[in-house]
Amino acid sequence: MSHLKHFINLLQMIELTVNKNDLGLHEAVATLQLPAMTVTRAKADRDDLEYELRRAFEELVGEIVTKQLKDEF
C-alpha cells in the first residue's frame, strides 16, 4: 500500500510527519522543541502556587502548538 508522506518543520519548533497507515488512517508524529520559558506567579498557599505554575506552562505550550499547527490543519 502506498503511503502519503508529509514532513513539515514549522518555525523550527515543530517537526511533523503525517503518513497514511495500513488501516487508511492519517497518523501524525509531532516533536515540539521549546525554547526556555519563564513564568512568575505568587500565591499565599503553596499548593495553589504549584497549580498556577502548571496552568501557566500548559497555557503557553497550548498557544505555541495552536499557532504552529494552525496552517497545517
C-alpha atoms as a PDB file:
ATOM      1  CA  MET A   1       0.000   0.000   0.000  1.00  0.00           C
ATOM      2  CA  SER A   2       1.352   3.434  -0.886  1.00  0.00           C
ATOM      3  CA  HIS A   3       1.842   5.889   1.945  1.00  0.00           C
ATOM      4  CA  LEU A   4       1.279   9.603   1.849  1.00  0.00           C
ATOM      5  CA  LYS A   5       4.346  11.131   3.500  1.00  0.00           C
ATOM      6  CA  HIS A   6       4.341  14.707   4.553  1.00  0.00           C
ATOM      7  CA  PHE A   7       7.166  16.276   6.519  1.00  0.00           C
ATOM      8  CA  ILE A   8       6.993  19.840   7.734  1.00  0.00           C
ATOM      9  CA  ASN A   9       9.149  21.911  10.049  1.00  0.00           C
ATOM     10  CA  LEU A  10       7.129  24.855  11.345  1.00  0.00           C
ATOM     11  CA  LEU A  11       9.248  27.753  12.533  1.00  0.00           C
ATOM     12  CA  GLN A  12      11.887  25.332  13.812  1.00  0.00           C
ATOM     13  CA  MET A  13       9.641  24.433  16.767  1.00  0.00           C
ATOM     14  CA  ILE A  14       7.540  21.538  15.491  1.00  0.00           C
ATOM     15  CA  GLU A  15       8.695  18.642  13.379  1.00  0.00           C
ATOM     16  CA  LEU A  16       5.628  16.955  11.935  1.00  0.00           C
ATOM     17  CA  THR A  17       5.345  13.763   9.900  1.00  0.00           C
ATOM     18  CA  VAL A  18       1.949  12.657   8.594  1.00  0.00           C
ATOM     19  CA  ASN A  19       1.511   9.227   6.985  1.00  0.00           C
ATOM     20  CA  LYS A  20      -1.481   7.265   5.824  1.00  0.00           C
ATOM     21  CA  ASN A  21      -1.181   3.950   7.680  1.00  0.00           C
ATOM     22  CA  ASP A  22      -2.225   0.454   6.590  1.00  0.00           C
ATOM     23  CA  LEU A  23      -5.720   0.998   8.029  1.00  0.00           C
ATOM     24  CA  GLY A  24      -6.184   4.094   5.864  1.00  0.00           C
ATOM     25  CA  LEU A  25      -5.939   6.438   8.841  1.00  0.00           C
ATOM     26  CA  HIS A  26      -3.848   9.578   8.861  1.00  0.00           C
ATOM     27  CA  GLU A  27      -1.191   9.121  11.534  1.00  0.00           C
ATOM     28  CA  ALA A  28       0.905  12.023  12.829  1.00  0.00           C
ATOM     29  CA  VAL A  29       4.148  12.112  14.788  1.00  0.00           C
ATOM     30  CA  ALA A  30       4.985  15.552  16.113  1.00  0.00           C
ATOM     31  CA  THR A  31       8.088  16.659  18.010  1.00  0.00           C
ATOM     32  CA  LEU A  32       7.968  20.002  19.774  1.00  0.00           C
ATOM     33  CA  GLN A  33      11.247  21.763  20.583  1.00  0.00           C
ATOM     34  CA  LEU A  34      10.573  24.521  23.094  1.00  0.00           C
ATOM     35  CA  PRO A  35      12.808  27.436  23.977  1.00  0.00           C
ATOM     36  CA  ALA A  36      13.405  28.267  27.642  1.00  0.00           C
ATOM     37  CA  MET A  37      10.299  29.875  29.158  1.00  0.00           C
ATOM     38  CA  THR A  38       9.851  31.634  32.478  1.00  0.00           C
ATOM     39  CA  VAL A  39       6.608  32.304  34.338  1.00  0.00           C
ATOM     40  CA  THR A  40       6.138  34.138  37.622  1.00  0.00           C
ATOM     41  CA  ARG A  41       3.200  33.600  39.943  1.00  0.00           C
ATOM     42  CA  ALA A  42       2.554  34.474  43.612  1.00  0.00           C
ATOM     43  CA  LYS A  43       0.058  32.723  45.902  1.00  0.00           C
ATOM     44  CA  ALA A  44      -0.385  32.530  49.677  1.00  0.00           C
ATOM     45  CA  ASP A  45      -0.859  28.755  49.582  1.00  0.00           C
ATOM     46  CA  ARG A  46       1.989  26.606  48.229  1.00  0.00           C
ATOM     47  CA  ASP A  47      -0.440  24.091  46.659  1.00  0.00           C
ATOM     48  CA  ASP A  48      -2.189  26.934  44.832  1.00  0.00           C
ATOM     49  CA  LEU A  49       1.194  28.148  43.590  1.00  0.00           C
ATOM     50  CA  GLU A  50       2.044  24.719  42.173  1.00  0.00           C
ATOM     51  CA  TYR A  51      -1.310  24.619  40.364  1.00  0.00           C
ATOM     52  CA  GLU A  52      -0.838  28.130  38.950  1.00  0.00           C
ATOM     53  CA  LEU A  53       2.639  27.313  37.636  1.00  0.00           C
ATOM     54  CA  ARG A  54       1.403  24.153  35.901  1.00  0.00           C
ATOM     55  CA  ARG A  55      -1.515  26.043  34.427  1.00  0.00           C
ATOM     56  CA  ALA A  56       0.703  28.875  33.175  1.00  0.00           C
ATOM     57  CA  PHE A  57       3.022  26.449  31.353  1.00  0.00           C
ATOM     58  CA  GLU A  58       0.072  24.472  29.952  1.00  0.00           C
ATOM     59  CA  GLU A  59      -1.376  27.685  28.508  1.00  0.00           C
ATOM     60  CA  LEU A  60       1.956  28.719  26.980  1.00  0.00           C
ATOM     61  CA  VAL A  61       2.570  25.363  25.348  1.00  0.00           C
ATOM     62  CA  GLY A  62      -1.040  25.186  24.143  1.00  0.00           C
ATOM     63  CA  GLU A  63      -0.773  28.606  22.498  1.00  0.00           C
ATOM     64  CA  ILE A  64       2.526  27.742  20.812  1.00  0.00           C
ATOM     65  CA  VAL A  65       1.218  24.445  19.426  1.00  0.00           C
ATOM     66  CA  THR A  66      -2.025  26.043  18.232  1.00  0.00           C
ATOM     67  CA  LYS A  67      -0.176  28.777  16.351  1.00  0.00           C
ATOM     68  CA  GLN A  68       2.409  26.384  14.918  1.00  0.00           C
ATOM     69  CA  LEU A  69      -0.127  23.853  13.603  1.00  0.00           C
ATOM     70  CA  LYS A  70      -2.815  26.339  12.524  1.00  0.00           C
ATOM     71  CA  ASP A  71      -1.661  26.497   8.911  1.00  0.00           C
ATOM     72  CA  GLU A  72      -1.226  22.732   8.589  1.00  0.00           C
ATOM     73  CA  PHE A  73      -4.660  21.707   9.847  1.00  0.00           C
END
